[in-house]
Amino acid sequence: MERHGIGKLISAAGGTADGITATIGGLGAHDVAAAAVEELLHRADLPAGPEATIHLRLRHGTTTIRYGVETGPAGVTCRPHRDGDEPSAAPDVTLTQDLTEVVRCLFGPRGTQTSASRVIRWGHLEDPTAFDRPLPAYDVVRRLVDALDRPYAIGLAELCVRYGSDKWGHHTYPRRYEQHFDHLRDQPLTILEIGVGGFGDQGRGGASLEVWRRYFPRALVYGLDIVDKSHLSTGRVTVLQGDQSSPTDLARVLEVTGRPDIVIDDGSHVSPHLLASFAYLFPHLRDGGRYVMEDLQTSYWPFFGGRASTYNDPATSLGFLKTLIEGLHHEDIVGRAPAATDPDIGGLHFYHNLAFIEKERNLDGGAPSWIPRGVKQAAQVSG
């Protein structure tokens, strides 16, 4: 399903059941089912090894859309079952649920998930020995059901390890990200990360995009890389090619993404590139959005356009960020030339190699005019 269609599903999933059903009808039940199954399998993290056959039955009105999922040593396979081609062998488990309910489970806000229409039929109940030991299908179905019901939130560090993102390990970013992002996890967001990873290797990268896709279950996630890695696009993840320092390329990116809620710069780490991206993208960030810069240690390294011993040069990434601190207080500073970002810097948070910039209206007004701002004069002493 195209990105626009998934966005419609995410929006509808926060509303009424009738609205979800109508959206499914407009997009096409089979296309919606395909997107839902792809999302479900991505979240379930089904293990390779245990052999199990699961039949999924997604109902929409009088239509039942069928999929077969098989796990084994070679991995996981999934394919639709068309009329007449369903295998004759009985599955280990058949899981049936209304498609409207499945869409709400996967793309709706946490806490709105329901399973009123769900039916699980086990194929081994006539075998007495099955009650003496856990079967491989138990864990497979447990993972599928957990992916639907979302009974717990997986931590960001765990996701980084699972998908191979260097945000945890060499760095310790997840704790800081969770401080700033946890309250946003349940919102329908647009996220843009600059830098897909894998450096110049076209076949590598995308780990952090998968982390954000999993961490934000209602988000559309976009990656930007100077190398063409569009083949990493899948589900709610779209990878675009472009130069982060090129306004022309960034304009083309925004034509695809629209206004982002979160921008994460994990790109070249070259100071002029970071500043060029911020100058173009920050004005397009939604109000209430977050702009993040990673690996700011390069601000001190000349190879990346940094300065080895000059710490306040606004041509470096950290030197520039320090100027934004003055912008927080722009209405109370006498004689300072205004900066374009002054009205929109609501908060700044600095951590080791990491900074968060909050975009909020910063026009509350300065101190009253009658409060003296000049040098305090010494009191005259009479003789």
Protein backbone atom coordinates (compact mmCIF):
# COMPACT_ATOMS: atom_id res chain seq x y z
CA MET A 1 0.00 0.00 0.00
CA GLU A 2 1.24 3.48 -0.81
CA ARG A 3 2.39 5.81 1.95
CA HIS A 4 -0.71 8.00 1.55
CA GLY A 5 -2.99 5.02 2.14
CA ILE A 6 -1.15 3.97 5.29
CA GLY A 7 -1.43 7.53 6.53
CA LYS A 8 -5.19 7.37 6.04
CA LEU A 9 -5.34 4.11 8.02
CA ILE A 10 -3.37 5.62 10.89
CA SER A 11 -5.66 8.65 10.97
CA ALA A 12 -8.82 6.57 10.81
CA ALA A 13 -7.59 4.15 13.49
CA GLY A 14 -7.86 6.93 16.06
CA GLY A 15 -11.57 7.38 15.34
CA THR A 16 -14.74 5.31 15.32
CA ALA A 17 -15.15 1.76 14.09
CA ASP A 18 -17.50 2.99 11.37
CA GLY A 19 -14.85 5.44 10.22
CA ILE A 20 -12.23 2.70 10.07
CA THR A 21 -14.56 0.43 8.12
CA ALA A 22 -15.34 3.21 5.65
CA THR A 23 -11.64 3.92 5.17
CA ILE A 24 -10.97 0.24 4.52
CA GLY A 25 -13.73 0.25 1.91
CA GLY A 26 -12.23 3.29 0.23
CA LEU A 27 -8.70 1.90 0.13
CA GLY A 28 -9.71 -1.65 -0.74
CA ALA A 29 -9.99 -4.43 1.81
CA HIS A 30 -7.38 -6.65 0.18
CA ASP A 31 -4.82 -3.85 0.05
CA VAL A 32 -5.53 -2.94 3.67
CA ALA A 33 -5.23 -6.58 4.72
CA ALA A 34 -1.87 -6.86 2.97
CA ALA A 35 -0.59 -3.75 4.77
CA ALA A 36 -1.94 -5.01 8.10
CA VAL A 37 -0.35 -8.45 7.75
CA GLU A 38 2.99 -6.92 6.77
CA GLU A 39 2.86 -4.65 9.84
CA LEU A 40 1.76 -7.51 12.08
CA LEU A 41 4.63 -9.77 11.03
CA HIS A 42 7.13 -6.94 11.41
CA ARG A 43 6.07 -6.37 15.00
CA ALA A 44 5.72 -10.03 15.94
CA ASP A 45 9.40 -10.84 15.35
CA LEU A 46 8.58 -14.45 14.59
CA PRO A 47 11.57 -16.71 15.27
CA ALA A 48 13.24 -18.91 12.71
CA GLY A 49 13.42 -22.50 13.87
CA PRO A 50 10.07 -23.62 15.31
CA GLU A 51 7.94 -25.25 12.64
CA ALA A 52 4.38 -23.98 12.68
CA THR A 53 1.63 -23.23 10.17
CA ILE A 54 -0.76 -20.39 11.00
CA HIS A 55 -3.78 -19.39 8.95
CA LEU A 56 -4.89 -15.78 9.30
CA ARG A 57 -8.51 -14.93 8.48
CA LEU A 58 -9.35 -11.23 8.25
CA ARG A 59 -13.06 -10.51 7.87
CA HIS A 60 -14.49 -7.43 6.20
CA GLY A 61 -18.26 -7.60 5.83
CA THR A 62 -19.07 -10.79 3.97
CA THR A 63 -15.50 -11.11 2.68
CA THR A 64 -12.81 -13.17 4.39
CA ILE A 65 -9.23 -12.43 3.34
CA ARG A 66 -6.90 -15.35 4.00
CA TYR A 67 -3.16 -15.61 4.57
CA GLY A 68 -0.87 -18.49 5.42
CA VAL A 69 2.15 -17.98 7.69
CA GLU A 70 4.76 -20.69 8.03
CA THR A 71 7.75 -20.71 10.35
CA GLY A 72 10.68 -23.10 10.26
CA PRO A 73 14.48 -23.35 10.24
CA ALA A 74 14.64 -21.46 6.94
CA GLY A 75 12.72 -18.50 8.35
CA VAL A 76 9.20 -17.12 7.99
CA THR A 77 7.09 -17.13 4.85
CA CYS A 78 3.71 -15.54 4.30
CA ARG A 79 1.46 -15.63 1.27
CA PRO A 80 -2.17 -14.89 0.52
CA HIS A 81 -4.55 -17.80 0.03
CA ARG A 82 -6.65 -17.30 -3.04
CA ASP A 83 -9.77 -19.30 -3.75
CA GLY A 84 -8.81 -22.82 -4.71
CA ASP A 85 -5.13 -22.65 -3.75
CA GLU A 86 -5.36 -23.09 0.01
CA PRO A 87 -3.34 -26.13 1.12
CA SER A 88 -5.32 -29.16 2.15
CA ALA A 89 -3.18 -29.86 5.24
CA ALA A 90 -4.79 -28.60 8.43
CA PRO A 91 -2.94 -25.69 10.05
CA ASP A 92 -1.60 -25.78 13.57
CA VAL A 93 -3.67 -22.68 14.36
CA THR A 94 -6.31 -20.54 12.66
CA LEU A 95 -6.57 -16.95 13.90
CA THR A 96 -9.68 -15.06 12.76
CA GLN A 97 -10.45 -11.39 13.46
CA ASP A 98 -12.37 -8.51 11.90
CA LEU A 99 -10.14 -6.35 9.71
CA THR A 100 -11.55 -3.17 11.27
CA GLU A 101 -10.48 -4.41 14.69
CA VAL A 102 -7.04 -5.43 13.41
CA VAL A 103 -6.48 -1.96 11.93
CA ARG A 104 -7.36 -0.36 15.27
CA CYS A 105 -5.07 -2.81 17.09
CA LEU A 106 -2.10 -2.04 14.87
CA PHE A 107 -2.54 1.65 14.11
CA GLY A 108 -4.80 3.02 16.83
CA PRO A 109 -3.75 4.66 20.11
CA ARG A 110 -2.54 2.37 22.85
CA GLY A 111 -5.38 1.28 25.10
CA THR A 112 -8.01 1.25 22.36
CA GLN A 113 -7.13 -2.28 21.19
CA THR A 114 -9.97 -4.81 21.36
CA SER A 115 -10.23 -8.50 20.55
CA ALA A 116 -14.00 -8.98 20.67
CA SER A 117 -14.09 -10.61 17.23
CA ARG A 118 -10.95 -12.72 17.64
CA VAL A 119 -11.22 -16.48 17.41
CA ILE A 120 -8.23 -18.81 17.84
CA ARG A 121 -8.68 -22.44 16.85
CA TRP A 122 -5.94 -24.91 17.68
CA GLY A 123 -5.50 -27.86 15.38
CA HIS A 124 -3.97 -30.28 17.85
CA LEU A 125 -6.65 -30.55 20.52
CA GLU A 126 -7.50 -34.16 19.62
CA ASP A 127 -3.91 -35.24 20.32
CA PRO A 128 -3.60 -36.01 24.05
CA THR A 129 0.20 -35.78 23.99
CA ALA A 130 -0.02 -32.11 23.02
CA PHE A 131 -1.13 -31.31 26.56
CA ASP A 132 2.15 -32.67 27.98
CA ARG A 133 4.48 -30.22 26.29
CA PRO A 134 4.45 -26.71 24.79
CA LEU A 135 4.15 -26.75 21.02
CA PRO A 136 6.10 -24.44 18.68
CA ALA A 137 2.85 -22.86 17.54
CA TYR A 138 2.19 -21.55 21.06
CA ASP A 139 5.07 -19.09 20.92
CA VAL A 140 4.32 -18.07 17.33
CA VAL A 141 0.69 -17.26 18.14
CA ARG A 142 1.67 -15.58 21.40
CA ARG A 143 3.91 -13.21 19.44
CA LEU A 144 1.17 -12.47 16.92
CA VAL A 145 -1.37 -11.75 19.64
CA ASP A 146 1.08 -9.57 21.58
CA ALA A 147 1.76 -7.60 18.41
CA LEU A 148 -1.96 -6.94 18.10
CA ASP A 149 -2.75 -6.22 21.73
CA ARG A 150 0.46 -4.28 22.52
CA PRO A 151 0.36 -5.19 26.22
CA TYR A 152 3.74 -3.61 26.92
CA ALA A 153 6.05 -1.02 25.40
CA ILE A 154 9.43 -2.31 24.24
CA GLY A 155 12.33 -0.15 25.38
CA LEU A 156 14.34 1.80 22.84
CA ALA A 157 17.67 0.23 23.82
CA GLU A 158 16.20 -3.23 23.23
CA LEU A 159 15.00 -2.16 19.80
CA CYS A 160 18.42 -0.73 18.94
CA VAL A 161 20.06 -4.05 19.83
CA ARG A 162 17.39 -6.02 17.99
CA TYR A 163 17.75 -4.08 14.73
CA GLY A 164 21.46 -3.26 14.99
CA SER A 165 21.34 0.52 15.47
CA ASP A 166 24.47 2.15 16.89
CA LYS A 167 22.36 4.55 18.95
CA TRP A 168 22.90 2.05 21.76
CA GLY A 169 26.27 0.50 22.53
CA HIS A 170 28.84 2.90 21.14
CA HIS A 171 26.39 5.65 22.16
CA THR A 172 23.88 5.70 25.00
CA TYR A 173 21.19 7.75 23.31
CA PRO A 174 18.05 5.69 24.06
CA ARG A 175 17.61 7.01 27.61
CA ARG A 176 17.63 10.60 26.35
CA TYR A 177 15.38 9.81 23.42
CA GLU A 178 12.87 8.16 25.74
CA GLN A 179 12.89 11.23 27.99
CA HIS A 180 11.79 13.39 25.08
CA PHE A 181 9.83 10.95 22.91
CA ASP A 182 7.98 8.61 25.25
CA HIS A 183 4.91 10.85 25.51
CA LEU A 184 4.78 11.03 21.70
CA ARG A 185 4.84 7.28 21.01
CA ASP A 186 1.10 6.99 20.59
CA GLN A 187 0.63 9.90 18.20
CA PRO A 188 0.36 9.81 14.39
CA LEU A 189 3.68 11.40 13.46
CA THR A 190 5.89 12.13 10.48
CA ILE A 191 9.54 11.40 11.27
CA LEU A 192 12.52 12.24 9.07
CA GLU A 193 15.97 10.86 9.88
CA ILE A 194 18.93 12.17 7.92
CA GLY A 195 21.43 9.38 7.37
CA VAL A 196 20.29 5.84 6.73
CA GLY A 197 23.53 4.15 7.79
CA GLY A 198 25.83 1.70 6.08
CA PHE A 199 28.00 4.56 4.77
CA GLY A 200 28.61 4.16 1.03
CA ASP A 201 27.48 0.53 0.94
CA GLN A 202 24.18 0.55 -0.91
CA GLY A 203 23.12 -2.76 0.60
CA ARG A 204 23.54 -1.74 4.23
CA GLY A 205 21.67 0.57 6.57
CA GLY A 206 18.14 1.25 7.70
CA ALA A 207 18.54 -0.07 11.25
CA SER A 208 17.47 3.14 12.97
CA LEU A 209 14.51 3.55 10.63
CA GLU A 210 13.27 0.13 11.73
CA VAL A 211 13.78 1.19 15.36
CA TRP A 212 11.62 4.29 14.87
CA ARG A 213 9.02 2.31 12.95
CA ARG A 214 8.69 -0.06 15.88
CA TYR A 215 8.99 2.57 18.62
CA PHE A 216 6.35 4.81 17.03
CA PRO A 217 3.61 2.39 15.88
CA ARG A 218 1.49 5.15 14.30
CA ALA A 219 4.28 7.06 12.54
CA LEU A 220 5.32 7.41 8.93
CA VAL A 221 9.11 7.14 8.94
CA TYR A 222 11.34 8.63 6.25
CA GLY A 223 15.07 8.28 5.76
CA LEU A 224 17.32 10.55 3.69
CA ASP A 225 20.72 9.41 2.44
CA ILE A 226 23.13 10.68 -0.19
CA VAL A 227 23.39 7.08 -1.48
CA ASP A 228 20.37 5.50 -3.16
CA LYS A 229 18.97 3.10 -0.56
CA SER A 230 15.36 3.25 -1.68
CA HIS A 231 15.27 -0.56 -1.74
CA LEU A 232 15.09 -0.37 2.07
CA SER A 233 11.62 1.17 1.84
CA THR A 234 8.99 -1.09 3.37
CA GLY A 235 5.68 -0.69 5.12
CA ARG A 236 5.67 2.63 6.94
CA VAL A 237 9.32 3.30 6.08
CA THR A 238 10.27 5.29 2.96
CA VAL A 239 13.90 5.96 2.02
CA LEU A 240 14.74 8.96 -0.17
CA GLN A 241 17.99 9.99 -1.83
CA GLY A 242 19.44 13.45 -1.53
CA ASP A 243 22.18 15.70 -0.19
CA GLN A 244 21.36 17.05 3.28
CA SER A 245 23.22 20.29 2.52
CA SER A 246 21.26 20.99 -0.68
CA PRO A 247 18.15 23.19 -0.31
CA THR A 248 16.93 21.84 -3.66
CA ASP A 249 17.13 18.25 -2.43
CA LEU A 250 15.55 19.12 0.92
CA ALA A 251 12.68 20.87 -0.81
CA ARG A 252 12.08 17.74 -2.85
CA VAL A 253 12.12 15.66 0.34
CA LEU A 254 9.48 17.86 1.96
CA GLU A 255 7.28 17.52 -1.10
CA VAL A 256 7.13 13.81 -0.24
CA THR A 257 7.02 13.94 3.56
CA GLY A 258 5.05 17.09 4.21
CA ARG A 259 5.85 18.97 7.41
CA PRO A 260 7.68 16.62 9.81
CA ASP A 261 7.01 16.34 13.52
CA ILE A 262 10.50 15.05 14.29
CA VAL A 263 13.79 15.52 12.42
CA ILE A 264 16.85 13.55 13.51
CA ASP A 265 20.17 14.51 11.95
CA ASP A 266 22.43 11.45 12.00
CA GLY A 267 23.89 12.22 8.59
CA SER A 268 27.37 13.33 7.58
CA HIS A 269 28.14 15.00 10.96
CA VAL A 270 29.96 17.73 9.01
CA SER A 271 29.17 21.06 10.67
CA PRO A 272 28.28 23.02 7.51
CA HIS A 273 25.95 20.17 6.48
CA LEU A 274 24.20 20.11 9.88
CA LEU A 275 23.69 23.87 9.77
CA ALA A 276 22.40 23.81 6.19
CA SER A 277 19.86 21.09 7.04
CA PHE A 278 18.69 22.92 10.15
CA ALA A 279 18.35 26.25 8.32
CA TYR A 280 16.08 24.69 5.71
CA LEU A 281 14.15 22.09 7.70
CA PHE A 282 13.54 23.76 11.06
CA PRO A 283 11.16 26.40 9.64
CA HIS A 284 9.11 23.55 8.13
CA LEU A 285 8.99 21.55 11.35
CA ARG A 286 5.51 21.46 12.87
CA ASP A 287 4.88 23.58 15.96
CA GLY A 288 5.57 21.38 18.97
CA GLY A 289 8.07 19.36 16.94
CA ARG A 290 11.53 18.20 17.90
CA TYR A 291 14.78 18.65 15.98
CA VAL A 292 17.63 16.40 17.09
CA MET A 293 21.33 16.54 16.25
CA GLU A 294 23.48 13.49 17.00
CA ASP A 295 27.25 12.95 17.30
CA LEU A 296 28.03 16.55 18.10
CA GLN A 297 31.57 15.63 19.15
CA THR A 298 32.51 16.28 15.52
CA SER A 299 32.07 19.98 16.29
CA TYR A 300 35.58 19.78 17.78
CA TRP A 301 37.13 17.81 14.89
CA PRO A 302 38.54 19.75 11.90
CA PHE A 303 38.00 16.76 9.58
CA PHE A 304 34.24 17.36 10.00
CA GLY A 305 34.42 21.13 9.71
CA GLY A 306 34.82 21.59 13.46
CA ARG A 307 37.31 23.60 15.50
CA ALA A 308 39.90 21.94 17.71
CA SER A 309 40.28 24.81 20.18
CA THR A 310 37.60 27.41 19.37
CA TYR A 311 34.43 26.51 21.19
CA ASN A 312 32.03 29.31 20.31
CA ASP A 313 32.43 29.57 16.56
CA PRO A 314 28.87 29.66 15.12
CA ALA A 315 30.18 27.95 11.99
CA THR A 316 30.45 24.73 14.02
CA SER A 317 27.44 22.71 15.09
CA LEU A 318 27.83 23.24 18.83
CA GLY A 319 28.91 26.85 18.41
CA PHE A 320 25.73 27.47 16.44
CA LEU A 321 23.56 25.68 19.00
CA LYS A 322 24.98 27.92 21.71
CA THR A 323 23.65 30.95 19.84
CA LEU A 324 20.17 29.47 20.11
CA ILE A 325 20.44 29.74 23.89
CA GLU A 326 20.54 33.51 23.48
CA GLY A 327 17.52 33.21 21.24
CA LEU A 328 15.52 31.69 24.10
CA HIS A 329 15.83 35.06 25.87
CA HIS A 330 15.71 37.31 22.81
CA GLU A 331 12.95 39.54 24.16
CA ASP A 332 15.03 40.49 27.21
CA ILE A 333 18.37 41.19 25.52
CA VAL A 334 19.17 44.81 24.72
CA GLY A 335 21.00 45.55 21.49
CA ARG A 336 21.17 42.01 20.13
CA ALA A 337 20.51 41.55 16.42
CA PRO A 338 17.45 39.29 16.04
CA ALA A 339 17.87 35.81 14.57
CA ALA A 340 15.30 34.14 12.31
CA THR A 341 14.89 31.27 14.79
CA ASP A 342 14.19 33.47 17.84
CA PRO A 343 10.38 33.27 17.72
CA ASP A 344 10.39 29.47 17.43
CA ILE A 345 12.94 28.16 19.95
CA GLY A 346 10.95 26.87 22.90
CA GLY A 347 13.58 24.75 24.60
CA LEU A 348 17.09 23.35 24.26
CA HIS A 349 18.43 20.20 25.89
CA PHE A 350 22.10 19.20 25.68
CA TYR A 351 23.52 15.78 26.48
CA HIS A 352 26.74 13.99 25.66
CA ASN A 353 27.09 14.36 21.86
CA LEU A 354 23.34 14.97 21.53
CA ALA A 355 21.00 17.98 21.44
CA PHE A 356 17.21 18.39 21.26
CA ILE A 357 15.62 21.62 20.00
CA GLU A 358 11.93 22.16 20.75
CA LYS A 359 9.93 24.23 18.30
CA GLU A 360 7.41 26.37 20.16
CA ARG A 361 6.21 29.96 20.04
CA ASN A 362 8.68 32.09 21.99
CA LEU A 363 6.88 35.42 21.96
CA ASP A 364 5.56 35.78 25.50
CA GLY A 365 7.06 39.25 25.87
CA GLY A 366 10.04 40.46 27.82
CA ALA A 367 10.19 42.05 31.22
CA PRO A 368 8.17 45.28 31.73
CA SER A 369 9.77 48.37 30.25
CA TRP A 370 9.96 50.15 33.60
CA ILE A 371 12.51 47.65 34.93
CA PRO A 372 15.97 49.21 34.51
CA ARG A 373 18.24 47.47 32.04
CA GLY A 374 21.31 49.70 32.11
CA VAL A 375 24.24 49.86 34.49
CA LYS A 376 23.19 50.45 38.07
CA GLN A 377 24.48 53.84 39.21
CA ALA A 378 26.25 54.13 42.55
CA ALA A 379 24.25 56.09 45.08
CA GLN A 380 25.54 59.59 45.74
CA VAL A 381 26.83 60.18 49.24
CA SER A 382 26.22 63.68 50.69
CA GLY A 383 29.00 65.32 52.62
